[in-house]
N, C-alpha and C. Protein backbone atom coordinates (compact mmCIF):
# COMPACT_ATOMS: atom_id res chain seq x y z
N MET A 1 -1.94 -15.05 -3.28
CA MET A 1 -1.49 -13.67 -3.36
C MET A 1 -0.22 -13.61 -4.20
N PRO A 2 -0.07 -12.52 -4.90
CA PRO A 2 1.16 -12.38 -5.67
C PRO A 2 2.36 -12.15 -4.74
N THR A 3 3.51 -12.57 -5.21
CA THR A 3 4.74 -12.36 -4.46
C THR A 3 5.26 -10.95 -4.75
N LEU A 4 6.25 -10.52 -3.97
CA LEU A 4 6.86 -9.22 -4.19
C LEU A 4 7.42 -9.13 -5.61
N GLU A 5 8.07 -10.19 -6.07
CA GLU A 5 8.65 -10.17 -7.42
C GLU A 5 7.57 -10.09 -8.49
N GLU A 6 6.45 -10.79 -8.31
CA GLU A 6 5.35 -10.70 -9.27
C GLU A 6 4.77 -9.29 -9.32
N VAL A 7 4.66 -8.66 -8.16
CA VAL A 7 4.15 -7.29 -8.10
C VAL A 7 5.11 -6.35 -8.79
N LYS A 8 6.40 -6.49 -8.52
CA LYS A 8 7.39 -5.61 -9.16
C LYS A 8 7.38 -5.80 -10.67
N ASP A 9 7.24 -7.04 -11.14
CA ASP A 9 7.14 -7.28 -12.58
C ASP A 9 5.89 -6.61 -13.15
N TYR A 10 4.77 -6.75 -12.46
CA TYR A 10 3.51 -6.17 -12.93
C TYR A 10 3.60 -4.65 -13.01
N LEU A 11 4.27 -4.04 -12.04
CA LEU A 11 4.41 -2.58 -12.00
C LEU A 11 5.61 -2.08 -12.79
N CYS A 12 6.35 -3.01 -13.39
CA CYS A 12 7.56 -2.68 -14.17
C CYS A 12 8.60 -1.94 -13.31
N ILE A 13 8.76 -2.42 -12.08
CA ILE A 13 9.78 -1.87 -11.18
C ILE A 13 10.98 -2.79 -11.27
N ASP A 14 12.06 -2.29 -11.84
CA ASP A 14 13.24 -3.14 -12.07
C ASP A 14 14.42 -2.77 -11.17
N PHE A 15 14.15 -2.07 -10.07
CA PHE A 15 15.21 -1.73 -9.14
C PHE A 15 14.87 -2.30 -7.77
N ASP A 16 15.88 -2.44 -6.95
CA ASP A 16 15.67 -2.98 -5.61
C ASP A 16 15.92 -1.87 -4.60
N ASP A 17 14.83 -1.42 -3.96
CA ASP A 17 14.89 -0.34 -3.00
C ASP A 17 14.13 -0.78 -1.75
N GLU A 18 14.76 -0.65 -0.60
CA GLU A 18 14.16 -1.12 0.65
C GLU A 18 12.81 -0.45 0.95
N ALA A 19 12.73 0.86 0.76
CA ALA A 19 11.48 1.58 1.03
C ALA A 19 10.38 1.15 0.06
N THR A 20 10.72 0.99 -1.20
CA THR A 20 9.73 0.53 -2.19
C THR A 20 9.27 -0.87 -1.87
N ASN A 21 10.20 -1.74 -1.49
CA ASN A 21 9.83 -3.11 -1.13
C ASN A 21 8.90 -3.14 0.08
N ARG A 22 9.16 -2.30 1.07
CA ARG A 22 8.28 -2.23 2.24
C ARG A 22 6.88 -1.76 1.84
N THR A 23 6.84 -0.75 0.98
CA THR A 23 5.55 -0.24 0.50
C THR A 23 4.80 -1.34 -0.24
N LEU A 24 5.47 -2.03 -1.14
CA LEU A 24 4.81 -3.08 -1.92
C LEU A 24 4.37 -4.24 -1.03
N ASN A 25 5.18 -4.62 -0.06
CA ASN A 25 4.78 -5.70 0.86
C ASN A 25 3.54 -5.29 1.66
N ARG A 26 3.49 -4.03 2.08
CA ARG A 26 2.32 -3.53 2.79
C ARG A 26 1.08 -3.56 1.89
N LEU A 27 1.26 -3.19 0.63
CA LEU A 27 0.14 -3.21 -0.31
C LEU A 27 -0.32 -4.63 -0.63
N ILE A 28 0.58 -5.59 -0.63
CA ILE A 28 0.21 -6.99 -0.81
C ILE A 28 -0.68 -7.43 0.35
N LEU A 29 -0.29 -7.08 1.57
CA LEU A 29 -1.10 -7.42 2.75
C LEU A 29 -2.45 -6.70 2.71
N THR A 30 -2.44 -5.45 2.24
CA THR A 30 -3.67 -4.67 2.13
C THR A 30 -4.61 -5.29 1.11
N ALA A 31 -4.08 -5.69 -0.04
CA ALA A 31 -4.91 -6.33 -1.07
C ALA A 31 -5.49 -7.64 -0.54
N ASP A 32 -4.70 -8.39 0.20
CA ASP A 32 -5.19 -9.64 0.80
C ASP A 32 -6.33 -9.35 1.77
N ALA A 33 -6.17 -8.34 2.61
CA ALA A 33 -7.21 -7.98 3.56
C ALA A 33 -8.47 -7.50 2.82
N TYR A 34 -8.28 -6.75 1.76
CA TYR A 34 -9.42 -6.27 0.97
C TYR A 34 -10.19 -7.45 0.39
N LEU A 35 -9.47 -8.41 -0.21
CA LEU A 35 -10.13 -9.56 -0.81
C LEU A 35 -10.81 -10.43 0.24
N LYS A 36 -10.21 -10.55 1.40
CA LYS A 36 -10.87 -11.30 2.48
C LYS A 36 -12.18 -10.63 2.88
N GLY A 37 -12.17 -9.30 2.93
CA GLY A 37 -13.39 -8.58 3.28
C GLY A 37 -14.42 -8.59 2.18
N ALA A 38 -13.97 -8.54 0.93
CA ALA A 38 -14.89 -8.47 -0.20
C ALA A 38 -15.42 -9.84 -0.61
N ILE A 39 -14.57 -10.87 -0.52
CA ILE A 39 -14.94 -12.19 -1.02
C ILE A 39 -15.22 -13.16 0.13
N GLY A 40 -14.38 -13.13 1.14
CA GLY A 40 -14.52 -14.03 2.27
C GLY A 40 -13.15 -14.47 2.75
N GLU A 41 -13.08 -14.82 4.02
CA GLU A 41 -11.81 -15.21 4.64
C GLU A 41 -11.10 -16.33 3.89
N ASN A 42 -11.86 -17.24 3.32
CA ASN A 42 -11.27 -18.41 2.67
C ASN A 42 -11.25 -18.28 1.15
N TYR A 43 -11.09 -17.06 0.64
CA TYR A 43 -11.06 -16.91 -0.81
C TYR A 43 -9.84 -17.66 -1.36
N PRO A 44 -9.93 -18.14 -2.60
CA PRO A 44 -8.83 -18.96 -3.16
C PRO A 44 -7.63 -18.11 -3.57
N THR A 45 -6.65 -18.00 -2.70
CA THR A 45 -5.49 -17.14 -2.96
C THR A 45 -4.66 -17.60 -4.15
N ASP A 46 -4.77 -18.87 -4.53
CA ASP A 46 -4.00 -19.38 -5.66
C ASP A 46 -4.76 -19.30 -6.98
N ASN A 47 -5.99 -18.77 -6.95
CA ASN A 47 -6.81 -18.62 -8.14
C ASN A 47 -6.27 -17.48 -9.00
N HIS A 48 -6.20 -17.69 -10.31
CA HIS A 48 -5.64 -16.67 -11.21
C HIS A 48 -6.46 -15.39 -11.20
N LYS A 49 -7.78 -15.51 -11.09
CA LYS A 49 -8.62 -14.30 -11.05
C LYS A 49 -8.37 -13.53 -9.77
N ALA A 50 -8.25 -14.23 -8.65
CA ALA A 50 -7.99 -13.55 -7.37
C ALA A 50 -6.62 -12.86 -7.41
N LYS A 51 -5.64 -13.53 -8.00
CA LYS A 51 -4.30 -12.93 -8.10
C LYS A 51 -4.33 -11.69 -8.99
N GLN A 52 -5.09 -11.74 -10.08
CA GLN A 52 -5.19 -10.58 -10.97
C GLN A 52 -5.89 -9.42 -10.28
N ILE A 53 -6.96 -9.71 -9.53
CA ILE A 53 -7.63 -8.66 -8.78
C ILE A 53 -6.66 -8.03 -7.79
N ALA A 54 -5.87 -8.87 -7.11
CA ALA A 54 -4.89 -8.36 -6.16
C ALA A 54 -3.87 -7.46 -6.86
N LEU A 55 -3.39 -7.88 -8.02
CA LEU A 55 -2.43 -7.06 -8.77
C LEU A 55 -3.04 -5.73 -9.20
N LEU A 56 -4.29 -5.75 -9.63
CA LEU A 56 -4.97 -4.50 -10.01
C LEU A 56 -5.13 -3.58 -8.81
N LEU A 57 -5.52 -4.15 -7.67
CA LEU A 57 -5.64 -3.35 -6.44
C LEU A 57 -4.31 -2.74 -6.04
N ILE A 58 -3.28 -3.58 -6.03
CA ILE A 58 -1.95 -3.11 -5.64
C ILE A 58 -1.48 -2.01 -6.57
N SER A 59 -1.68 -2.20 -7.87
CA SER A 59 -1.28 -1.19 -8.84
C SER A 59 -2.00 0.13 -8.60
N ASP A 60 -3.31 0.07 -8.40
CA ASP A 60 -4.07 1.30 -8.18
C ASP A 60 -3.67 1.96 -6.87
N LEU A 61 -3.49 1.17 -5.82
CA LEU A 61 -3.06 1.73 -4.54
C LEU A 61 -1.67 2.35 -4.65
N TYR A 62 -0.77 1.70 -5.36
CA TYR A 62 0.59 2.21 -5.53
C TYR A 62 0.59 3.51 -6.35
N ASP A 63 -0.17 3.50 -7.44
CA ASP A 63 -0.20 4.68 -8.32
C ASP A 63 -0.89 5.87 -7.68
N ASN A 64 -1.79 5.63 -6.75
CA ASN A 64 -2.57 6.71 -6.13
C ASN A 64 -2.28 6.85 -4.64
N ARG A 65 -1.07 6.53 -4.23
CA ARG A 65 -0.76 6.52 -2.80
C ARG A 65 -0.70 7.92 -2.17
N ASP A 66 -0.64 8.95 -2.99
CA ASP A 66 -0.55 10.30 -2.42
C ASP A 66 -1.92 10.96 -2.25
N LEU A 67 -3.00 10.38 -2.77
CA LEU A 67 -4.36 10.88 -2.64
C LEU A 67 -4.49 12.37 -2.96
N THR A 68 -4.02 12.74 -4.13
CA THR A 68 -4.19 14.11 -4.60
C THR A 68 -5.60 14.28 -5.17
N GLU A 69 -5.88 15.44 -5.72
CA GLU A 69 -7.18 15.70 -6.33
C GLU A 69 -7.45 14.79 -7.51
N LYS A 70 -6.42 14.22 -8.10
CA LYS A 70 -6.57 13.42 -9.30
C LYS A 70 -6.79 11.93 -8.98
N VAL A 71 -7.26 11.62 -7.78
CA VAL A 71 -7.50 10.23 -7.39
C VAL A 71 -8.59 9.66 -8.28
N SER A 72 -8.38 8.46 -8.74
CA SER A 72 -9.35 7.82 -9.63
C SER A 72 -10.64 7.50 -8.89
N ALA A 73 -11.72 7.40 -9.66
CA ALA A 73 -13.01 7.02 -9.08
C ALA A 73 -12.91 5.63 -8.47
N ASN A 74 -12.10 4.77 -9.10
CA ASN A 74 -11.90 3.43 -8.57
C ASN A 74 -11.25 3.48 -7.19
N MET A 75 -10.27 4.34 -7.03
CA MET A 75 -9.59 4.45 -5.73
C MET A 75 -10.56 4.95 -4.67
N ARG A 76 -11.40 5.89 -5.02
CA ARG A 76 -12.39 6.38 -4.07
C ARG A 76 -13.32 5.24 -3.65
N LYS A 77 -13.70 4.38 -4.59
CA LYS A 77 -14.55 3.23 -4.26
C LYS A 77 -13.81 2.27 -3.33
N ILE A 78 -12.54 2.03 -3.61
CA ILE A 78 -11.75 1.14 -2.76
C ILE A 78 -11.68 1.69 -1.34
N VAL A 79 -11.43 2.99 -1.21
CA VAL A 79 -11.36 3.60 0.11
C VAL A 79 -12.71 3.46 0.82
N ASP A 80 -13.81 3.71 0.10
CA ASP A 80 -15.15 3.55 0.68
C ASP A 80 -15.39 2.09 1.10
N ASP A 81 -14.97 1.14 0.24
CA ASP A 81 -15.13 -0.27 0.58
C ASP A 81 -14.31 -0.66 1.81
N PHE A 82 -13.06 -0.17 1.87
CA PHE A 82 -12.23 -0.44 3.05
C PHE A 82 -12.92 0.06 4.32
N SER A 83 -13.46 1.27 4.23
CA SER A 83 -14.12 1.85 5.40
C SER A 83 -15.32 1.01 5.82
N LEU A 84 -16.12 0.60 4.85
CA LEU A 84 -17.29 -0.23 5.15
C LEU A 84 -16.85 -1.57 5.74
N GLN A 85 -15.83 -2.18 5.16
CA GLN A 85 -15.35 -3.46 5.67
C GLN A 85 -14.86 -3.33 7.11
N LEU A 86 -14.10 -2.28 7.39
CA LEU A 86 -13.61 -2.09 8.75
C LEU A 86 -14.75 -1.86 9.73
N ARG A 87 -15.76 -1.08 9.31
CA ARG A 87 -16.93 -0.87 10.19
C ARG A 87 -17.64 -2.18 10.47
N LEU A 88 -17.80 -3.01 9.44
CA LEU A 88 -18.45 -4.30 9.64
C LEU A 88 -17.63 -5.21 10.55
N GLU A 89 -16.30 -5.20 10.35
CA GLU A 89 -15.43 -6.01 11.20
C GLU A 89 -15.50 -5.55 12.64
N LEU A 90 -15.52 -4.24 12.84
CA LEU A 90 -15.63 -3.70 14.20
C LEU A 90 -16.95 -4.10 14.84
N SER A 91 -18.03 -4.01 14.07
CA SER A 91 -19.34 -4.35 14.64
C SER A 91 -19.46 -5.83 14.95
N ARG A 92 -18.71 -6.66 14.24
CA ARG A 92 -18.73 -8.11 14.48
C ARG A 92 -17.66 -8.56 15.48
N GLY A 93 -16.85 -7.62 15.93
CA GLY A 93 -15.77 -7.97 16.85
C GLY A 93 -14.63 -8.71 16.18
N LEU A 94 -14.47 -8.53 14.86
CA LEU A 94 -13.44 -9.24 14.11
C LEU A 94 -12.18 -8.43 13.88
N TYR A 95 -12.21 -7.15 14.22
CA TYR A 95 -11.09 -6.26 13.94
C TYR A 95 -9.93 -6.55 14.86
N LEU A 96 -8.73 -6.66 14.28
CA LEU A 96 -7.51 -6.81 15.05
C LEU A 96 -6.68 -5.53 14.89
N PRO A 97 -6.36 -4.85 15.99
CA PRO A 97 -5.54 -3.65 15.88
C PRO A 97 -4.21 -3.94 15.19
N ALA A 98 -3.67 -2.95 14.50
CA ALA A 98 -2.45 -3.12 13.72
C ALA A 98 -1.28 -3.62 14.57
N ASP A 99 -1.25 -3.27 15.84
CA ASP A 99 -0.11 -3.69 16.67
C ASP A 99 -0.18 -5.16 17.06
N THR A 100 -1.24 -5.89 16.67
CA THR A 100 -1.31 -7.32 16.96
C THR A 100 -0.91 -8.16 15.76
N ILE A 101 -0.51 -7.50 14.66
CA ILE A 101 -0.10 -8.22 13.45
C ILE A 101 1.31 -7.83 13.11
N ASP A 102 2.21 -8.84 12.94
CA ASP A 102 3.58 -8.53 12.58
C ASP A 102 3.66 -8.36 11.06
N THR A 103 4.84 -8.03 10.54
CA THR A 103 4.98 -7.75 9.11
C THR A 103 4.77 -8.97 8.24
N GLY A 104 4.84 -10.14 8.80
CA GLY A 104 4.59 -11.35 8.04
C GLY A 104 3.13 -11.72 7.99
N GLY A 105 2.26 -10.92 8.60
CA GLY A 105 0.84 -11.19 8.57
C GLY A 105 0.37 -12.12 9.68
N GLU A 106 1.28 -12.53 10.57
CA GLU A 106 0.91 -13.41 11.66
C GLU A 106 0.44 -12.61 12.86
N VAL A 107 -0.60 -13.10 13.51
CA VAL A 107 -1.12 -12.42 14.71
C VAL A 107 -0.14 -12.67 15.86
N VAL A 108 0.20 -11.60 16.58
CA VAL A 108 1.15 -11.69 17.69
C VAL A 108 0.55 -11.09 18.96
N ILE A 109 -0.54 -11.66 19.42
CA ILE A 109 -1.24 -11.15 20.61
C ILE A 109 -0.49 -11.52 21.87
């Protein structure tokens, strides 16, 4: 997965803001969850293609975070994919409620 600094470089964010950093960290975790659902739990996080996909996802999620009428077709597909992935996880008993995961991505049951 890309680091916060790699994401900020990719998005050309050259300032340090706590709220922006929290948003980007959340999007990094979201991209990781998306790739786990789309590719598999053991997808190669250090693979350059996987990192680029993550950066593209993070960029699109960041740019379209307000979900106005101008949401890209790609974002609509991502939202549909997230929904399908969550439904599949729920049906398989794999879903972990948000309150069982801390900000570092570790399960805290």
